[in-house]
Amino acid sequence: MRDDEILSRISALVSEEHELRGKLSAGEVTSEEENARVKELETALDQCWDLLRQRRARRGAGEDPDAASARPASEVEGYRQ
């Protein structure tokens, strides 16, 4: 996945999160449904940002950014901020 594709995916995930919060406010989804989906979206966003950082780091080190790969959610979610 290229950087622009990753950024597009990030944008789509953020848009979905905003839509979901709007649906919660409008009573179209329950808070449990919203919380569950937001958790999934946050995990997917973390994976996208991690992949983008990997690609940028590889590029900065003179390596092939296409050699970067998405890490499992369990690994990405275990990072310290």
C-alpha atoms as a PDB file:
ATOM      1  CA  MET A   1       0.000   0.000   0.000  1.00  0.00           C
ATOM      2  CA  ARG A   2       1.398   3.400  -0.992  1.00  0.00           C
ATOM      3  CA  ASP A   3       1.481   6.403   1.338  1.00  0.00           C
ATOM      4  CA  ASP A   4      -1.388   8.107  -0.477  1.00  0.00           C
ATOM      5  CA  GLU A   5      -3.490   4.946  -0.174  1.00  0.00           C
ATOM      6  CA  ILE A   6      -2.767   4.753   3.551  1.00  0.00           C
ATOM      7  CA  LEU A   7      -3.694   8.411   3.994  1.00  0.00           C
ATOM      8  CA  SER A   8      -6.928   7.849   2.066  1.00  0.00           C
ATOM      9  CA  ARG A   9      -7.733   4.901   4.310  1.00  0.00           C
ATOM     10  CA  ILE A  10      -7.042   7.028   7.400  1.00  0.00           C
ATOM     11  CA  SER A  11      -9.360   9.730   6.067  1.00  0.00           C
ATOM     12  CA  ALA A  12     -12.120   7.187   5.406  1.00  0.00           C
ATOM     13  CA  LEU A  13     -11.795   5.711   8.899  1.00  0.00           C
ATOM     14  CA  VAL A  14     -11.938   9.157  10.514  1.00  0.00           C
ATOM     15  CA  SER A  15     -15.001  10.031   8.427  1.00  0.00           C
ATOM     16  CA  GLU A  16     -16.708   6.831   9.503  1.00  0.00           C
ATOM     17  CA  GLU A  17     -15.932   7.613  13.127  1.00  0.00           C
ATOM     18  CA  HIS A  18     -17.493  11.077  12.779  1.00  0.00           C
ATOM     19  CA  GLU A  19     -20.571   9.612  11.066  1.00  0.00           C
ATOM     20  CA  LEU A  20     -20.922   7.036  13.807  1.00  0.00           C
ATOM     21  CA  ARG A  21     -20.812   9.686  16.516  1.00  0.00           C
ATOM     22  CA  GLY A  22     -23.492  11.604  14.631  1.00  0.00           C
ATOM     23  CA  LYS A  23     -25.651   8.492  14.460  1.00  0.00           C
ATOM     24  CA  LEU A  24     -25.252   8.032  18.199  1.00  0.00           C
ATOM     25  CA  SER A  25     -26.388  11.617  18.794  1.00  0.00           C
ATOM     26  CA  ALA A  26     -29.381  11.044  16.506  1.00  0.00           C
ATOM     27  CA  GLY A  27     -30.291   7.823  18.322  1.00  0.00           C
ATOM     28  CA  GLU A  28     -29.659   5.679  15.240  1.00  0.00           C
ATOM     29  CA  VAL A  29     -27.209   3.393  17.072  1.00  0.00           C
ATOM     30  CA  THR A  30     -26.808   2.410  20.697  1.00  0.00           C
ATOM     31  CA  SER A  31     -23.833   3.497  22.744  1.00  0.00           C
ATOM     32  CA  GLU A  32     -22.718  -0.143  22.895  1.00  0.00           C
ATOM     33  CA  GLU A  33     -22.759  -0.398  19.094  1.00  0.00           C
ATOM     34  CA  GLU A  34     -20.953   2.909  18.790  1.00  0.00           C
ATOM     35  CA  ASN A  35     -18.323   1.951  21.384  1.00  0.00           C
ATOM     36  CA  ALA A  36     -17.628  -1.400  19.732  1.00  0.00           C
ATOM     37  CA  ARG A  37     -17.226   0.098  16.269  1.00  0.00           C
ATOM     38  CA  VAL A  38     -15.147   3.038  17.515  1.00  0.00           C
ATOM     39  CA  LYS A  39     -12.767   0.541  19.130  1.00  0.00           C
ATOM     40  CA  GLU A  40     -12.419  -1.260  15.779  1.00  0.00           C
ATOM     41  CA  LEU A  41     -11.855   2.042  13.981  1.00  0.00           C
ATOM     42  CA  GLU A  42      -9.230   3.146  16.501  1.00  0.00           C
ATOM     43  CA  THR A  43      -7.368  -0.121  16.071  1.00  0.00           C
ATOM     44  CA  ALA A  44      -7.454   0.181  12.270  1.00  0.00           C
ATOM     45  CA  LEU A  45      -6.251   3.792  12.525  1.00  0.00           C
ATOM     46  CA  ASP A  46      -3.379   2.765  14.793  1.00  0.00           C
ATOM     47  CA  GLN A  47      -2.351   0.103  12.271  1.00  0.00           C
ATOM     48  CA  CYS A  48      -2.499   2.592   9.380  1.00  0.00           C
ATOM     49  CA  TRP A  49      -0.453   5.205  11.222  1.00  0.00           C
ATOM     50  CA  ASP A  50       2.087   2.558  12.225  1.00  0.00           C
ATOM     51  CA  LEU A  51       2.442   1.393   8.622  1.00  0.00           C
ATOM     52  CA  LEU A  52       2.846   4.973   7.410  1.00  0.00           C
ATOM     53  CA  ARG A  53       5.545   5.624  10.041  1.00  0.00           C
ATOM     54  CA  GLN A  54       7.344   2.425   9.003  1.00  0.00           C
ATOM     55  CA  ARG A  55       7.291   3.467   5.351  1.00  0.00           C
ATOM     56  CA  ARG A  56       8.570   6.965   6.140  1.00  0.00           C
ATOM     57  CA  ALA A  57      11.325   5.597   8.378  1.00  0.00           C
ATOM     58  CA  ARG A  58      12.451   3.144   5.698  1.00  0.00           C
ATOM     59  CA  ARG A  59      12.424   5.866   3.074  1.00  0.00           C
ATOM     60  CA  GLY A  60      14.433   8.143   5.399  1.00  0.00           C
ATOM     61  CA  ALA A  61      16.996   5.379   5.952  1.00  0.00           C
ATOM     62  CA  GLY A  62      17.374   4.809   2.217  1.00  0.00           C
ATOM     63  CA  GLU A  63      15.470   1.528   2.344  1.00  0.00           C
ATOM     64  CA  ASP A  64      12.521   0.331   0.291  1.00  0.00           C
ATOM     65  CA  PRO A  65       9.294   1.616   1.864  1.00  0.00           C
ATOM     66  CA  ASP A  66       7.368  -1.170   0.134  1.00  0.00           C
ATOM     67  CA  ALA A  67       9.136  -3.656   2.415  1.00  0.00           C
ATOM     68  CA  ALA A  68       7.093  -2.288   5.349  1.00  0.00           C
ATOM     69  CA  SER A  69       4.105  -4.355   6.356  1.00  0.00           C
ATOM     70  CA  ALA A  70       1.086  -3.877   8.566  1.00  0.00           C
ATOM     71  CA  ARG A  71       1.649  -5.193  12.049  1.00  0.00           C
ATOM     72  CA  PRO A  72      -1.006  -7.191  13.898  1.00  0.00           C
ATOM     73  CA  ALA A  73      -3.443  -5.238  16.043  1.00  0.00           C
ATOM     74  CA  SER A  74      -2.158  -7.002  19.168  1.00  0.00           C
ATOM     75  CA  GLU A  75       1.323  -5.601  18.532  1.00  0.00           C
ATOM     76  CA  VAL A  76       0.299  -2.086  17.527  1.00  0.00           C
ATOM     77  CA  GLU A  77      -2.132  -1.729  20.436  1.00  0.00           C
ATOM     78  CA  GLY A  78       0.632  -2.705  22.867  1.00  0.00           C
ATOM     79  CA  TYR A  79       2.835   0.295  22.007  1.00  0.00           C
ATOM     80  CA  ARG A  80       3.429   2.908  24.638  1.00  0.00           C
ATOM     81  CA  GLN A  81       2.573   6.473  23.737  1.00  0.00           C
END
